[in-house]
Structures are given as structure tokens and as C-alpha cells.
Amino acid sequence: MAKFCNNGHQMEDSWTDCPYCIRTGYRVASTGSAGKTRPDIGETRPDDKPKNQLEKTVMLAALKRSPVVGWLVVLNGAQKGDDFRLREGKNTLGTARDVEVALHDPTVSQKHASIHYKDGEFLLTDLDSTNGTFVNDGQQGISRVQLRDSDTIRVGETSLKFKCL
């Protein structure tokens, strides 16, 4: 004889909880009462995957980011056409995984430069990069400069067009 949970899902006779209900958030407790819950820490699914491998819903407040204040668009190379949003505060350019503007250019340092937005101004700062940071057609590397709309930034062999809002 087939066994069913309180929500009508067919289960194996040896199961006390319905795996479908657990996966979707409607957990049928072993006592038979149904309620919308999330799995507790340490709870496992019937396929023995730990709880930390289950997907979680993220609170909307955790997704709130500072507003977009500008863009960088790659002008050349393999990433030509890629665009990156600039947000209030510090935006780092480089090849490291944790930068806001991730470039795939072996001539770019891991943390090559940063663009800091505050009080309506954009400041481009070189972060002691190996090959320097250049603005427009400048032949001298910059240490820090205020950016203006439509400036071109060159880091390594990559050129980027800067646009502000």
C-alpha cells in the first residue's frame, strides 16, 4: 500500500518526512503536523546532503546596493564591449576575483587601480600597479586624477571608456 504525506505526495514506507515538502519549504513534521518552515541547522535531506548545500532565500535588504553612478566600457581586446557598473564608494579595477571591474589582461595587476565616487566626483587612483594607469592619450602614468565624462582609461593593454551619470 502506498504512503502519502499530508500534502498528497507519495513517499516510501520507511520515510517519516516527505522529501518534496522539505525541498519546497512545506515540511511535514514526523508528528504529522504540517507547517511552512525552513530546515534547521544540521538537518539533512533524504539523499543525505547536508543543510549547508541547500539553497536559501536571500532577504531583499541584503541585496540592496548603493546606486549606480557611472560605467566603464571596454574598448579593445577579448572583453571589447563588456561594461561594468560603478557604484558609490570605491570600485577596484584588476584581475583579482574580488574586484568590481574584473579584467582578463595579463598586463593588468591584480588590484591595478580604483575609482572612488564621493560628493559628485570620481577620483582614479593607481594602486602601485606594475604597468601604470593612464588617462586619455597621456604618456605619463597617473597616481591620482579626477575623471571627467567620456575620459579613456588605459590599464595594461586594456582601454576603457568612462561614463558618469
C-alpha atoms as a PDB file:
ATOM      1  CA  MET A   1       0.000   0.000   0.000  1.00  0.00           C
ATOM      2  CA  ALA A   2       1.367   3.432  -0.937  1.00  0.00           C
ATOM      3  CA  LYS A   3       2.102   6.002   1.776  1.00  0.00           C
ATOM      4  CA  PHE A   4       1.295   9.714   1.252  1.00  0.00           C
ATOM      5  CA  CYS A   5       2.269  12.855   3.164  1.00  0.00           C
ATOM      6  CA  ASN A   6      -0.349  15.374   4.396  1.00  0.00           C
ATOM      7  CA  ASN A   7       0.085  17.302   1.138  1.00  0.00           C
ATOM      8  CA  GLY A   8      -0.605  14.232  -1.012  1.00  0.00           C
ATOM      9  CA  HIS A   9       2.948  13.371  -2.157  1.00  0.00           C
ATOM     10  CA  GLN A  10       3.744   9.665  -2.439  1.00  0.00           C
ATOM     11  CA  MET A  11       6.526   8.504  -0.084  1.00  0.00           C
ATOM     12  CA  GLU A  12       8.471   5.357   0.742  1.00  0.00           C
ATOM     13  CA  ASP A  13       7.105   3.476   3.742  1.00  0.00           C
ATOM     14  CA  SER A  14      10.332   3.998   5.713  1.00  0.00           C
ATOM     15  CA  TRP A  15      10.309   7.823   5.368  1.00  0.00           C
ATOM     16  CA  THR A  16       8.978   9.984   8.189  1.00  0.00           C
ATOM     17  CA  ASP A  17       9.234  13.280   6.264  1.00  0.00           C
ATOM     18  CA  CYS A  18       8.293  13.992   2.659  1.00  0.00           C
ATOM     19  CA  PRO A  19      11.401  14.975   0.640  1.00  0.00           C
ATOM     20  CA  TYR A  20       9.336  17.123  -1.743  1.00  0.00           C
ATOM     21  CA  CYS A  21       7.825  19.123   1.120  1.00  0.00           C
ATOM     22  CA  ILE A  22      11.260  19.642   2.711  1.00  0.00           C
ATOM     23  CA  ARG A  23      12.750  20.829  -0.602  1.00  0.00           C
ATOM     24  CA  THR A  24       9.929  23.317  -1.272  1.00  0.00           C
ATOM     25  CA  GLY A  25       9.660  24.611   2.294  1.00  0.00           C
ATOM     26  CA  TYR A  26       6.481  22.805   3.289  1.00  0.00           C
ATOM     27  CA  ARG A  27       7.837  20.419   5.866  1.00  0.00           C
ATOM     28  CA  VAL A  28       5.688  17.676   7.261  1.00  0.00           C
ATOM     29  CA  ALA A  29       6.968  17.010  10.752  1.00  0.00           C
ATOM     30  CA  SER A  30       7.235  13.459  11.969  1.00  0.00           C
ATOM     31  CA  THR A  31       4.345  14.169  14.319  1.00  0.00           C
ATOM     32  CA  GLY A  32       2.092  14.650  11.312  1.00  0.00           C
ATOM     33  CA  SER A  33       1.521  18.409  11.669  1.00  0.00           C
ATOM     34  CA  ALA A  34       2.200  20.499   8.599  1.00  0.00           C
ATOM     35  CA  GLY A  35       3.695  23.975   8.601  1.00  0.00           C
ATOM     36  CA  LYS A  36       5.794  26.257   6.415  1.00  0.00           C
ATOM     37  CA  THR A  37       9.323  26.066   7.802  1.00  0.00           C
ATOM     38  CA  ARG A  38      12.918  26.079   6.729  1.00  0.00           C
ATOM     39  CA  PRO A  39      15.215  23.182   7.607  1.00  0.00           C
ATOM     40  CA  ASP A  40      17.108  23.649  10.857  1.00  0.00           C
ATOM     41  CA  ILE A  41      20.905  23.648  11.080  1.00  0.00           C
ATOM     42  CA  GLY A  42      22.245  20.129  10.850  1.00  0.00           C
ATOM     43  CA  GLU A  43      19.109  18.723   9.245  1.00  0.00           C
ATOM     44  CA  THR A  44      19.714  16.533   6.208  1.00  0.00           C
ATOM     45  CA  ARG A  45      17.644  15.739   3.175  1.00  0.00           C
ATOM     46  CA  PRO A  46      16.731  12.128   2.367  1.00  0.00           C
ATOM     47  CA  ASP A  47      19.647  11.957  -0.074  1.00  0.00           C
ATOM     48  CA  ASP A  48      21.973  12.793   2.863  1.00  0.00           C
ATOM     49  CA  LYS A  49      23.082  16.197   1.535  1.00  0.00           C
ATOM     50  CA  PRO A  50      23.932  18.498   4.447  1.00  0.00           C
ATOM     51  CA  LYS A  51      21.740  21.533   5.073  1.00  0.00           C
ATOM     52  CA  ASN A  52      24.508  23.953   4.040  1.00  0.00           C
ATOM     53  CA  GLN A  53      24.207  22.613   0.488  1.00  0.00           C
ATOM     54  CA  LEU A  54      20.520  23.528   0.306  1.00  0.00           C
ATOM     55  CA  GLU A  55      19.647  26.773  -1.444  1.00  0.00           C
ATOM     56  CA  LYS A  56      18.467  29.622   0.779  1.00  0.00           C
ATOM     57  CA  THR A  57      16.278  32.595   0.049  1.00  0.00           C
ATOM     58  CA  VAL A  58      18.125  35.863   0.496  1.00  0.00           C
ATOM     59  CA  MET A  59      16.484  38.819   2.243  1.00  0.00           C
ATOM     60  CA  LEU A  60      15.797  41.783  -0.039  1.00  0.00           C
ATOM     61  CA  ALA A  61      17.604  44.095   2.380  1.00  0.00           C
ATOM     62  CA  ALA A  62      20.791  42.059   1.890  1.00  0.00           C
ATOM     63  CA  LEU A  63      20.636  42.685  -1.876  1.00  0.00           C
ATOM     64  CA  LYS A  64      20.395  46.476  -1.573  1.00  0.00           C
ATOM     65  CA  ARG A  65      23.428  48.079  -3.123  1.00  0.00           C
ATOM     66  CA  SER A  66      24.483  51.634  -3.459  1.00  0.00           C
ATOM     67  CA  PRO A  67      23.160  53.293  -6.615  1.00  0.00           C
ATOM     68  CA  VAL A  68      24.945  53.128  -9.952  1.00  0.00           C
ATOM     69  CA  VAL A  69      26.813  56.388 -10.569  1.00  0.00           C
ATOM     70  CA  GLY A  70      28.732  55.543 -13.747  1.00  0.00           C
ATOM     71  CA  TRP A  71      30.005  52.922 -16.196  1.00  0.00           C
ATOM     72  CA  LEU A  72      33.198  51.635 -17.724  1.00  0.00           C
ATOM     73  CA  VAL A  73      33.058  50.057 -21.184  1.00  0.00           C
ATOM     74  CA  VAL A  74      35.982  48.008 -22.535  1.00  0.00           C
ATOM     75  CA  LEU A  75      37.121  49.389 -25.896  1.00  0.00           C
ATOM     76  CA  ASN A  76      39.538  46.682 -27.072  1.00  0.00           C
ATOM     77  CA  GLY A  77      40.774  43.120 -26.621  1.00  0.00           C
ATOM     78  CA  ALA A  78      38.868  39.962 -25.735  1.00  0.00           C
ATOM     79  CA  GLN A  79      36.463  41.843 -23.447  1.00  0.00           C
ATOM     80  CA  LYS A  80      35.595  44.530 -26.020  1.00  0.00           C
ATOM     81  CA  GLY A  81      32.059  45.764 -25.359  1.00  0.00           C
ATOM     82  CA  ASP A  82      31.874  44.471 -21.782  1.00  0.00           C
ATOM     83  CA  ASP A  83      30.555  47.084 -19.389  1.00  0.00           C
ATOM     84  CA  PHE A  84      30.962  47.479 -15.661  1.00  0.00           C
ATOM     85  CA  ARG A  85      28.721  49.458 -13.330  1.00  0.00           C
ATOM     86  CA  LEU A  86      30.381  51.878 -10.953  1.00  0.00           C
ATOM     87  CA  ARG A  87      28.731  52.425  -7.583  1.00  0.00           C
ATOM     88  CA  GLU A  88      29.176  54.947  -4.785  1.00  0.00           C
ATOM     89  CA  GLY A  89      32.390  54.416  -2.852  1.00  0.00           C
ATOM     90  CA  LYS A  90      35.433  52.507  -4.055  1.00  0.00           C
ATOM     91  CA  ASN A  91      35.429  50.456  -7.286  1.00  0.00           C
ATOM     92  CA  THR A  92      38.623  48.469  -7.893  1.00  0.00           C
ATOM     93  CA  LEU A  93      39.949  47.509 -11.350  1.00  0.00           C
ATOM     94  CA  GLY A  94      42.207  44.479 -11.790  1.00  0.00           C
ATOM     95  CA  THR A  95      42.491  40.763 -12.386  1.00  0.00           C
ATOM     96  CA  ALA A  96      41.720  39.561  -8.834  1.00  0.00           C
ATOM     97  CA  ARG A  97      38.458  37.710  -8.195  1.00  0.00           C
ATOM     98  CA  ASP A  98      37.177  40.211  -5.644  1.00  0.00           C
ATOM     99  CA  VAL A  99      37.384  43.383  -7.763  1.00  0.00           C
ATOM    100  CA  GLU A 100      34.384  45.264  -9.128  1.00  0.00           C
ATOM    101  CA  VAL A 101      35.938  45.641 -12.605  1.00  0.00           C
ATOM    102  CA  ALA A 102      37.455  42.232 -13.422  1.00  0.00           C
ATOM    103  CA  LEU A 103      39.729  42.379 -16.469  1.00  0.00           C
ATOM    104  CA  HIS A 104      41.277  39.438 -18.315  1.00  0.00           C
ATOM    105  CA  ASP A 105      44.563  41.021 -19.314  1.00  0.00           C
ATOM    106  CA  PRO A 106      47.932  39.595 -18.209  1.00  0.00           C
ATOM    107  CA  THR A 107      49.428  43.124 -18.247  1.00  0.00           C
ATOM    108  CA  VAL A 108      46.964  44.308 -15.573  1.00  0.00           C
ATOM    109  CA  SER A 109      47.839  43.927 -11.880  1.00  0.00           C
ATOM    110  CA  GLN A 110      45.517  42.059  -9.523  1.00  0.00           C
ATOM    111  CA  LYS A 111      44.472  45.333  -7.890  1.00  0.00           C
ATOM    112  CA  HIS A 112      45.607  47.784 -10.537  1.00  0.00           C
ATOM    113  CA  ALA A 113      43.600  50.969  -9.908  1.00  0.00           C
ATOM    114  CA  SER A 114      40.485  52.251  -8.179  1.00  0.00           C
ATOM    115  CA  ILE A 115      37.750  54.716  -8.963  1.00  0.00           C
ATOM    116  CA  HIS A 116      36.289  56.350  -5.892  1.00  0.00           C
ATOM    117  CA  TYR A 117      32.996  58.228  -6.143  1.00  0.00           C
ATOM    118  CA  LYS A 118      32.098  60.719  -3.443  1.00  0.00           C
ATOM    119  CA  ASP A 119      30.201  64.007  -3.455  1.00  0.00           C
ATOM    120  CA  GLY A 120      29.746  64.011  -7.229  1.00  0.00           C
ATOM    121  CA  GLU A 121      33.438  63.486  -8.032  1.00  0.00           C
ATOM    122  CA  PHE A 122      35.217  60.481  -9.497  1.00  0.00           C
ATOM    123  CA  LEU A 123      38.858  60.004  -8.477  1.00  0.00           C
ATOM    124  CA  LEU A 124      41.003  57.494 -10.376  1.00  0.00           C
ATOM    125  CA  THR A 125      43.941  56.226  -8.321  1.00  0.00           C
ATOM    126  CA  ASP A 126      46.749  53.912  -9.426  1.00  0.00           C
ATOM    127  CA  LEU A 127      47.309  51.223  -6.771  1.00  0.00           C
ATOM    128  CA  ASP A 128      51.073  50.893  -7.351  1.00  0.00           C
ATOM    129  CA  SER A 129      50.460  48.778 -10.438  1.00  0.00           C
ATOM    130  CA  THR A 130      53.316  47.247 -12.415  1.00  0.00           C
ATOM    131  CA  ASN A 131      52.471  48.879 -15.762  1.00  0.00           C
ATOM    132  CA  GLY A 132      50.810  52.112 -14.631  1.00  0.00           C
ATOM    133  CA  THR A 133      47.450  53.754 -15.228  1.00  0.00           C
ATOM    134  CA  PHE A 134      46.907  56.322 -17.988  1.00  0.00           C
ATOM    135  CA  VAL A 135      44.096  58.753 -18.817  1.00  0.00           C
ATOM    136  CA  ASN A 136      43.146  59.786 -22.367  1.00  0.00           C
ATOM    137  CA  ASP A 137      46.275  59.915 -24.558  1.00  0.00           C
ATOM    138  CA  GLY A 138      48.619  60.771 -21.683  1.00  0.00           C
ATOM    139  CA  GLN A 139      52.125  59.329 -21.882  1.00  0.00           C
ATOM    140  CA  GLN A 140      52.785  59.761 -18.156  1.00  0.00           C
ATOM    141  CA  GLY A 141      51.164  57.381 -15.697  1.00  0.00           C
ATOM    142  CA  ILE A 142      48.934  58.956 -13.100  1.00  0.00           C
ATOM    143  CA  SER A 143      48.971  58.497  -9.367  1.00  0.00           C
ATOM    144  CA  ARG A 144      45.584  60.176  -8.835  1.00  0.00           C
ATOM    145  CA  VAL A 145      43.371  62.218 -11.159  1.00  0.00           C
ATOM    146  CA  GLN A 146      39.779  63.447 -11.254  1.00  0.00           C
ATOM    147  CA  LEU A 147      37.822  61.751 -14.051  1.00  0.00           C
ATOM    148  CA  ARG A 148      35.506  63.579 -16.421  1.00  0.00           C
ATOM    149  CA  ASP A 149      32.706  62.099 -18.504  1.00  0.00           C
ATOM    150  CA  SER A 150      33.996  60.296 -21.644  1.00  0.00           C
ATOM    151  CA  ASP A 151      37.605  60.039 -20.416  1.00  0.00           C
ATOM    152  CA  THR A 152      39.511  56.989 -21.647  1.00  0.00           C
ATOM    153  CA  ILE A 153      41.403  54.947 -19.056  1.00  0.00           C
ATOM    154  CA  ARG A 154      44.233  52.603 -20.047  1.00  0.00           C
ATOM    155  CA  VAL A 155      45.402  49.862 -17.692  1.00  0.00           C
ATOM    156  CA  GLY A 156      47.864  47.379 -19.155  1.00  0.00           C
ATOM    157  CA  GLU A 157      46.764  46.817 -22.753  1.00  0.00           C
ATOM    158  CA  THR A 158      43.084  47.427 -21.942  1.00  0.00           C
ATOM    159  CA  SER A 159      41.341  50.708 -22.693  1.00  0.00           C
ATOM    160  CA  LEU A 160      38.048  51.623 -21.048  1.00  0.00           C
ATOM    161  CA  LYS A 161      35.623  54.469 -21.727  1.00  0.00           C
ATOM    162  CA  PHE A 162      34.348  56.181 -18.590  1.00  0.00           C
ATOM    163  CA  LYS A 163      30.765  57.450 -18.472  1.00  0.00           C
ATOM    164  CA  CYS A 164      29.194  59.143 -15.472  1.00  0.00           C
ATOM    165  CA  LEU A 165      25.524  59.696 -14.681  1.00  0.00           C
END
